[in-house]
Each structure stands twice: as structure tokens, then as C-alpha cells.
């Protein structure tokens, strides 16, 4: 199962953004990408394109796709957006 980057924003609604690309084979690979200054620039650019403004980030983590699907099934009305890091 692939690992994805999940960004949780510090907003009243608790907005969440899931990067569907890139995907990672291991949690460590995912975390290494999150910590990479070069990779962070692409993630930030995508978030700016998606939201049009700087959003306050509460947390960034790596989760397996099946875990994300389980959470989304339990919370179908959650403010979640998905996209790729370009």
C-alpha cells in the first residue's frame, strides 16, 4: 500500500489536503520527502495554487492510502482536497 502526504490546516473547519502524487513505498521515504527543503517548495506551490493564499498548517504527516480511505468513510463531509505536487 502506498504512503501519501497529508496536510492538516489550523482552520476552524480543520481543512485537510492529501497529496495523491507523489506516492511512496515506505513511511520513511514519505517523511524524508516532507523534510526535504527542495520537495517542500513543490508542496507549498501546490497548496498556494489550490487555496490562493497562505493557510496556517497545524500538522503534516504520512499515512497509508487505506487508512486515509477509512477515515474519509467515517467522515464523509470533512473538508478534504486532493491533488499533486507539481
C-alpha atoms as a PDB file:
ATOM      1  CA  UNK A   1       0.000   0.000   0.000  1.00  0.00           C
ATOM      2  CA  UNK A   2       1.272   3.476  -0.879  1.00  0.00           C
ATOM      3  CA  UNK A   3       2.009   6.228   1.599  1.00  0.00           C
ATOM      4  CA  UNK A   4       0.662   9.755   0.965  1.00  0.00           C
ATOM      5  CA  UNK A   5       1.426  13.166   2.445  1.00  0.00           C
ATOM      6  CA  UNK A   6      -1.467  14.626   4.454  1.00  0.00           C
ATOM      7  CA  UNK A   7      -1.567  18.291   5.479  1.00  0.00           C
ATOM      8  CA  UNK A   8      -3.906  19.350   8.283  1.00  0.00           C
ATOM      9  CA  UNK A   9      -4.604  23.060   8.457  1.00  0.00           C
ATOM     10  CA  UNK A  10      -5.159  25.091  11.610  1.00  0.00           C
ATOM     11  CA  UNK A  11      -8.562  26.348  10.496  1.00  0.00           C
ATOM     12  CA  UNK A  12     -11.942  26.309  12.211  1.00  0.00           C
ATOM     13  CA  UNK A  13     -13.158  23.637   9.791  1.00  0.00           C
ATOM     14  CA  UNK A  14      -9.943  21.617  10.110  1.00  0.00           C
ATOM     15  CA  UNK A  15      -9.287  21.562   6.379  1.00  0.00           C
ATOM     16  CA  UNK A  16      -7.160  18.690   5.061  1.00  0.00           C
ATOM     17  CA  UNK A  17      -5.131  18.381   1.863  1.00  0.00           C
ATOM     18  CA  UNK A  18      -3.941  14.990   0.581  1.00  0.00           C
ATOM     19  CA  UNK A  19      -1.133  14.837  -1.969  1.00  0.00           C
ATOM     20  CA  UNK A  20      -2.048  11.981  -4.310  1.00  0.00           C
ATOM     21  CA  UNK A  21       1.240  12.369  -6.185  1.00  0.00           C
ATOM     22  CA  UNK A  22       3.937  11.614  -5.341  1.00  0.00           C
ATOM     23  CA  UNK A  23       3.278   8.342  -3.550  1.00  0.00           C
ATOM     24  CA  UNK A  24       5.839   6.447  -1.516  1.00  0.00           C
ATOM     25  CA  UNK A  25       6.536   2.764  -0.872  1.00  0.00           C
ATOM     26  CA  UNK A  26       7.549   3.339   2.757  1.00  0.00           C
ATOM     27  CA  UNK A  27       6.680   5.774   5.516  1.00  0.00           C
ATOM     28  CA  UNK A  28      10.356   6.714   5.813  1.00  0.00           C
ATOM     29  CA  UNK A  29      10.535   7.704   2.132  1.00  0.00           C
ATOM     30  CA  UNK A  30       7.436   9.840   2.634  1.00  0.00           C
ATOM     31  CA  UNK A  31       8.822  11.511   5.759  1.00  0.00           C
ATOM     32  CA  UNK A  32      12.155  12.148   4.023  1.00  0.00           C
ATOM     33  CA  UNK A  33      10.272  13.975   1.256  1.00  0.00           C
ATOM     34  CA  UNK A  34       8.290  16.021   3.777  1.00  0.00           C
ATOM     35  CA  UNK A  35      11.568  17.070   5.428  1.00  0.00           C
ATOM     36  CA  UNK A  36      13.338  17.845   2.143  1.00  0.00           C
ATOM     37  CA  UNK A  37      13.658  21.601   1.577  1.00  0.00           C
ATOM     38  CA  UNK A  38      13.594  21.062  -2.192  1.00  0.00           C
ATOM     39  CA  UNK A  39      10.435  18.905  -2.088  1.00  0.00           C
ATOM     40  CA  UNK A  40       8.744  21.293   0.350  1.00  0.00           C
ATOM     41  CA  UNK A  41       8.889  24.043  -2.276  1.00  0.00           C
ATOM     42  CA  UNK A  42       6.744  21.962  -4.666  1.00  0.00           C
ATOM     43  CA  UNK A  43       4.250  21.124  -1.938  1.00  0.00           C
ATOM     44  CA  UNK A  44       3.948  24.762  -0.918  1.00  0.00           C
ATOM     45  CA  UNK A  45       3.474  25.874  -4.544  1.00  0.00           C
ATOM     46  CA  UNK A  46       0.641  23.371  -4.967  1.00  0.00           C
ATOM     47  CA  UNK A  47      -1.057  24.471  -1.741  1.00  0.00           C
ATOM     48  CA  UNK A  48      -0.824  28.110  -2.858  1.00  0.00           C
ATOM     49  CA  UNK A  49      -2.375  27.207  -6.240  1.00  0.00           C
ATOM     50  CA  UNK A  50      -5.149  25.260  -4.547  1.00  0.00           C
ATOM     51  CA  UNK A  51      -6.046  27.765  -1.825  1.00  0.00           C
ATOM     52  CA  UNK A  52      -4.836  31.035  -3.351  1.00  0.00           C
ATOM     53  CA  UNK A  53      -3.402  32.158  -0.022  1.00  0.00           C
ATOM     54  CA  UNK A  54      -1.164  31.026   2.786  1.00  0.00           C
ATOM     55  CA  UNK A  55      -3.055  28.633   5.051  1.00  0.00           C
ATOM     56  CA  UNK A  56      -1.907  28.025   8.635  1.00  0.00           C
ATOM     57  CA  UNK A  57      -0.620  24.455   8.890  1.00  0.00           C
ATOM     58  CA  UNK A  58      -1.231  22.514  12.094  1.00  0.00           C
ATOM     59  CA  UNK A  59       0.443  19.249  11.068  1.00  0.00           C
ATOM     60  CA  UNK A  60       1.928  17.282   8.184  1.00  0.00           C
ATOM     61  CA  UNK A  61       2.113  13.510   8.280  1.00  0.00           C
ATOM     62  CA  UNK A  62       2.359  10.431   6.098  1.00  0.00           C
ATOM     63  CA  UNK A  63      -0.500   7.920   6.064  1.00  0.00           C
ATOM     64  CA  UNK A  64      -1.228   4.787   4.090  1.00  0.00           C
ATOM     65  CA  UNK A  65      -3.919   5.079   1.428  1.00  0.00           C
ATOM     66  CA  UNK A  66      -6.177   2.515   3.106  1.00  0.00           C
ATOM     67  CA  UNK A  67      -6.016   4.419   6.405  1.00  0.00           C
ATOM     68  CA  UNK A  68      -6.980   7.636   4.617  1.00  0.00           C
ATOM     69  CA  UNK A  69      -9.910   5.877   2.921  1.00  0.00           C
ATOM     70  CA  UNK A  70     -11.138   4.518   6.272  1.00  0.00           C
ATOM     71  CA  UNK A  71     -11.006   7.976   7.846  1.00  0.00           C
ATOM     72  CA  UNK A  72     -12.804   9.573   4.896  1.00  0.00           C
ATOM     73  CA  UNK A  73     -15.546   6.921   5.002  1.00  0.00           C
ATOM     74  CA  UNK A  74     -16.138   7.718   8.676  1.00  0.00           C
ATOM     75  CA  UNK A  75     -16.178  11.483   7.962  1.00  0.00           C
ATOM     76  CA  UNK A  76     -17.755  11.927   4.511  1.00  0.00           C
ATOM     77  CA  UNK A  77     -18.385  15.658   4.990  1.00  0.00           C
ATOM     78  CA  UNK A  78     -14.835  16.527   6.054  1.00  0.00           C
ATOM     79  CA  UNK A  79     -13.280  19.477   4.161  1.00  0.00           C
ATOM     80  CA  UNK A  80     -10.711  17.454   2.193  1.00  0.00           C
ATOM     81  CA  UNK A  81      -8.972  18.367  -1.071  1.00  0.00           C
ATOM     82  CA  UNK A  82      -6.651  16.146  -3.079  1.00  0.00           C
ATOM     83  CA  UNK A  83      -4.004  16.899  -5.654  1.00  0.00           C
ATOM     84  CA  UNK A  84      -0.484  16.503  -6.954  1.00  0.00           C
ATOM     85  CA  UNK A  85       2.707  18.303  -6.061  1.00  0.00           C
ATOM     86  CA  UNK A  86       3.890  19.977  -9.228  1.00  0.00           C
END
